[in-house]
Structure formats: structure tokens, C-alpha cells
Amino acid sequence: MSHNGTQQIATDPRELRQMKVIAAFTAGATVTDAARQAGVDRTTIHRWLKNPRFVAEWNRSKCELRERMHAECQAMIPDAIRTVRELVTGTDLPPAIRLKAAMFVLHKAGLLEPEEIGPTTPESVRAKWAEAEIDERLGPI
């Protein structure tokens, strides 16, 4: 398990089993499945889940997985945009599919929500600015 933010290779049999459990959890396994894969009892895993070092390592593993998934999604953005463009503009597609794709784009662009319009008189603009300045000075309550 890692210590102080640096990765170390686990050589302790218990740590090896813990790493197997974490790997199983990261892959979506249940406690029962993770216990079977690591060769430990379910109650052992429940005990480990109360151990801050184990939980921290599991959380680090989840962070790494999230970062990998985010990178994969980032790499697919051009293909996704191209696909949505084809769905919106493809005349050979049923109108319902084209409409759904168009609504998705409008929603994600924030164009389906009404734009908030501020005050319309100089006095009300000044009042709003004064209120915001007071809120900023007071900070969170």
C-alpha cells in the first residue's frame, strides 16, 4: 500500500490481500466477490473498511480510476461531437431522433433555461451592487 503519497510494492501478505480487495472493488465487485478473490472472509473486509490506511488507499484507487475514465472520455469528445452533429443534421434519420439530439445540444449549451436579466433602472442596479458588496464583506454565514 502507499504511504505518505508514494507508491510502494506490497510484500506483506495482508497488504497483498488488501490490494486484491481494492482492485476488486475498483472493478465493481461486491464485498462477497472481493473476499472470494482475495481469499479472505467478508468480516475481514468489513474490519478493513474501518481502517483509515485501507480506506485512504481505496480512495486513492478510486481517484486514479476516475482520472483514467476522465481521460478516456476526453479522448472521445471529437467523436461524440461528430456523432451528435450527424444525428442533428442527418436527414435520413427519424425526426424524433433528430429532435432528441437537438434538444440534448440545446440543453447542454444552457439555451433552454431563461437568461437571468438584472435590474432595469440605475437605482435598482446600484441597490443590487450595494447588496452584493455587503454580502461579500459579511462572507458566508
Protein backbone atom coordinates (compact mmCIF):
# COMPACT_ATOMS: atom_id res chain seq x y z
CA MET A 1 0.00 0.00 0.00
CA SER A 2 1.19 3.56 -0.47
CA HIS A 3 2.47 5.63 2.39
CA ASN A 4 2.89 9.41 2.50
CA GLY A 5 1.63 9.71 -1.08
CA THR A 6 4.29 7.44 -2.62
CA GLN A 7 3.56 4.06 -4.16
CA GLN A 8 5.32 1.10 -2.63
CA ILE A 9 5.13 -2.53 -3.70
CA ALA A 10 3.23 -4.55 -1.10
CA THR A 11 5.19 -7.52 0.17
CA ASP A 12 3.25 -8.23 3.35
CA PRO A 13 0.66 -11.00 2.67
CA ARG A 14 -2.05 -8.96 4.41
CA GLU A 15 -1.28 -5.90 2.28
CA LEU A 16 -1.32 -8.07 -0.84
CA ARG A 17 -4.79 -9.31 0.10
CA GLN A 18 -5.90 -5.75 0.81
CA MET A 19 -4.65 -4.66 -2.61
CA LYS A 20 -6.59 -7.53 -4.20
CA VAL A 21 -9.73 -6.36 -2.39
CA ILE A 22 -9.18 -2.78 -3.53
CA ALA A 23 -8.61 -3.95 -7.11
CA ALA A 24 -11.80 -6.00 -6.93
CA PHE A 25 -13.76 -3.05 -5.50
CA THR A 26 -12.40 -0.78 -8.21
CA ALA A 27 -13.60 -3.29 -10.81
CA GLY A 28 -17.08 -3.17 -9.26
CA ALA A 29 -17.02 -6.31 -7.11
CA THR A 30 -19.26 -6.74 -4.10
CA VAL A 31 -17.77 -7.40 -0.66
CA THR A 32 -18.55 -11.09 -1.11
CA ASP A 33 -16.87 -11.25 -4.51
CA ALA A 34 -13.87 -9.22 -3.34
CA ALA A 35 -13.47 -11.51 -0.32
CA ARG A 36 -13.54 -14.56 -2.56
CA GLN A 37 -10.99 -13.05 -4.98
CA ALA A 38 -8.62 -12.07 -2.16
CA GLY A 39 -9.06 -15.27 -0.18
CA VAL A 40 -10.36 -13.55 2.96
CA ASP A 41 -13.58 -13.59 4.94
CA ARG A 42 -16.19 -10.88 4.40
CA THR A 43 -15.86 -9.83 8.05
CA THR A 44 -12.16 -9.14 7.44
CA ILE A 45 -13.08 -6.69 4.69
CA HIS A 46 -15.64 -5.00 6.94
CA ARG A 47 -12.91 -4.64 9.58
CA TRP A 48 -10.53 -3.18 6.97
CA LEU A 49 -13.22 -0.68 5.98
CA LYS A 50 -12.79 0.80 9.46
CA ASN A 51 -9.01 1.13 8.97
CA PRO A 52 -8.04 4.65 7.81
CA ARG A 53 -4.99 3.42 5.84
CA PHE A 54 -7.08 0.90 3.93
CA VAL A 55 -9.85 3.42 3.23
CA ALA A 56 -7.29 6.03 2.12
CA GLU A 57 -5.72 3.52 -0.28
CA TRP A 58 -9.14 2.59 -1.64
CA ASN A 59 -9.95 6.28 -2.12
CA ARG A 60 -6.64 6.80 -3.95
CA SER A 61 -7.53 3.89 -6.19
CA LYS A 62 -10.93 5.44 -6.91
CA CYS A 63 -9.25 8.77 -7.74
CA GLU A 64 -6.90 7.05 -10.18
CA LEU A 65 -9.82 5.24 -11.81
CA ARG A 66 -11.78 8.49 -12.13
CA GLU A 67 -8.76 10.20 -13.72
CA ARG A 68 -8.35 7.35 -16.23
CA MET A 69 -12.07 7.42 -17.06
CA HIS A 70 -11.98 11.20 -17.47
CA ALA A 71 -9.01 10.92 -19.84
CA GLU A 72 -10.84 8.25 -21.87
CA CYS A 73 -13.92 10.47 -22.11
CA GLN A 74 -11.80 13.47 -23.10
CA ALA A 75 -10.29 11.42 -25.92
CA MET A 76 -13.77 10.56 -27.23
CA ILE A 77 -15.09 14.15 -27.32
CA PRO A 78 -14.37 14.76 -31.02
CA ASP A 79 -16.15 11.51 -31.97
CA ALA A 80 -19.09 12.34 -29.69
CA ILE A 81 -19.46 15.80 -31.20
CA ARG A 82 -19.28 14.38 -34.71
CA THR A 83 -21.94 11.77 -33.82
CA VAL A 84 -24.30 14.34 -32.31
CA ARG A 85 -23.79 16.60 -35.33
CA GLU A 86 -24.70 13.68 -37.62
CA LEU A 87 -27.79 12.94 -35.53
CA VAL A 88 -28.95 16.55 -35.66
CA THR A 89 -28.27 17.10 -39.34
CA GLY A 90 -28.88 13.62 -40.78
CA THR A 91 -31.96 13.89 -42.97
CA ASP A 92 -32.16 10.10 -43.27
CA LEU A 93 -32.92 9.78 -39.53
CA PRO A 94 -36.38 9.82 -37.98
CA PRO A 95 -37.44 13.29 -36.83
CA ALA A 96 -37.82 12.09 -33.22
CA ILE A 97 -34.13 11.11 -33.06
CA ARG A 98 -33.03 14.37 -34.65
CA LEU A 99 -35.22 16.34 -32.21
CA LYS A 100 -33.86 14.47 -29.21
CA ALA A 101 -30.28 15.10 -30.33
CA ALA A 102 -31.01 18.77 -30.95
CA MET A 103 -32.66 19.15 -27.52
CA PHE A 104 -29.64 17.49 -25.90
CA VAL A 105 -27.30 20.01 -27.55
CA LEU A 106 -29.50 22.96 -26.57
CA HIS A 107 -29.77 21.70 -23.01
CA LYS A 108 -26.01 21.19 -22.63
CA ALA A 109 -25.39 24.65 -24.09
CA GLY A 110 -27.73 26.09 -21.43
CA LEU A 111 -30.03 27.56 -24.04
CA LEU A 112 -33.24 26.02 -22.70
CA GLU A 113 -33.08 27.91 -19.41
CA PRO A 114 -34.21 31.52 -19.41
CA GLU A 115 -31.38 34.01 -19.09
CA GLU A 116 -31.46 35.89 -15.81
CA ILE A 117 -31.88 39.58 -16.53
CA GLY A 118 -30.69 42.03 -13.95
CA PRO A 119 -32.31 45.23 -12.76
CA THR A 120 -33.58 47.65 -15.40
CA THR A 121 -33.21 51.01 -13.65
CA PRO A 122 -30.00 52.69 -12.50
CA GLU A 123 -31.33 52.85 -8.93
CA SER A 124 -32.07 49.13 -8.77
CA VAL A 125 -28.67 48.33 -10.33
CA ARG A 126 -26.98 50.42 -7.60
CA ALA A 127 -29.08 48.70 -4.92
CA LYS A 128 -28.15 45.25 -6.22
CA TRP A 129 -24.46 46.17 -6.33
CA ALA A 130 -24.63 47.56 -2.78
CA GLU A 131 -26.32 44.36 -1.58
CA ALA A 132 -23.64 42.23 -3.26
CA GLU A 133 -20.90 44.35 -1.67
CA ILE A 134 -22.44 43.89 1.79
CA ASP A 135 -22.76 40.14 1.20
CA GLU A 136 -19.12 39.99 0.11
CA ARG A 137 -17.95 41.85 3.25
CA LEU A 138 -20.02 39.68 5.58
CA GLY A 139 -18.87 36.44 3.98
CA PRO A 140 -20.64 33.13 4.49
CA ILE A 141 -22.97 32.90 7.45
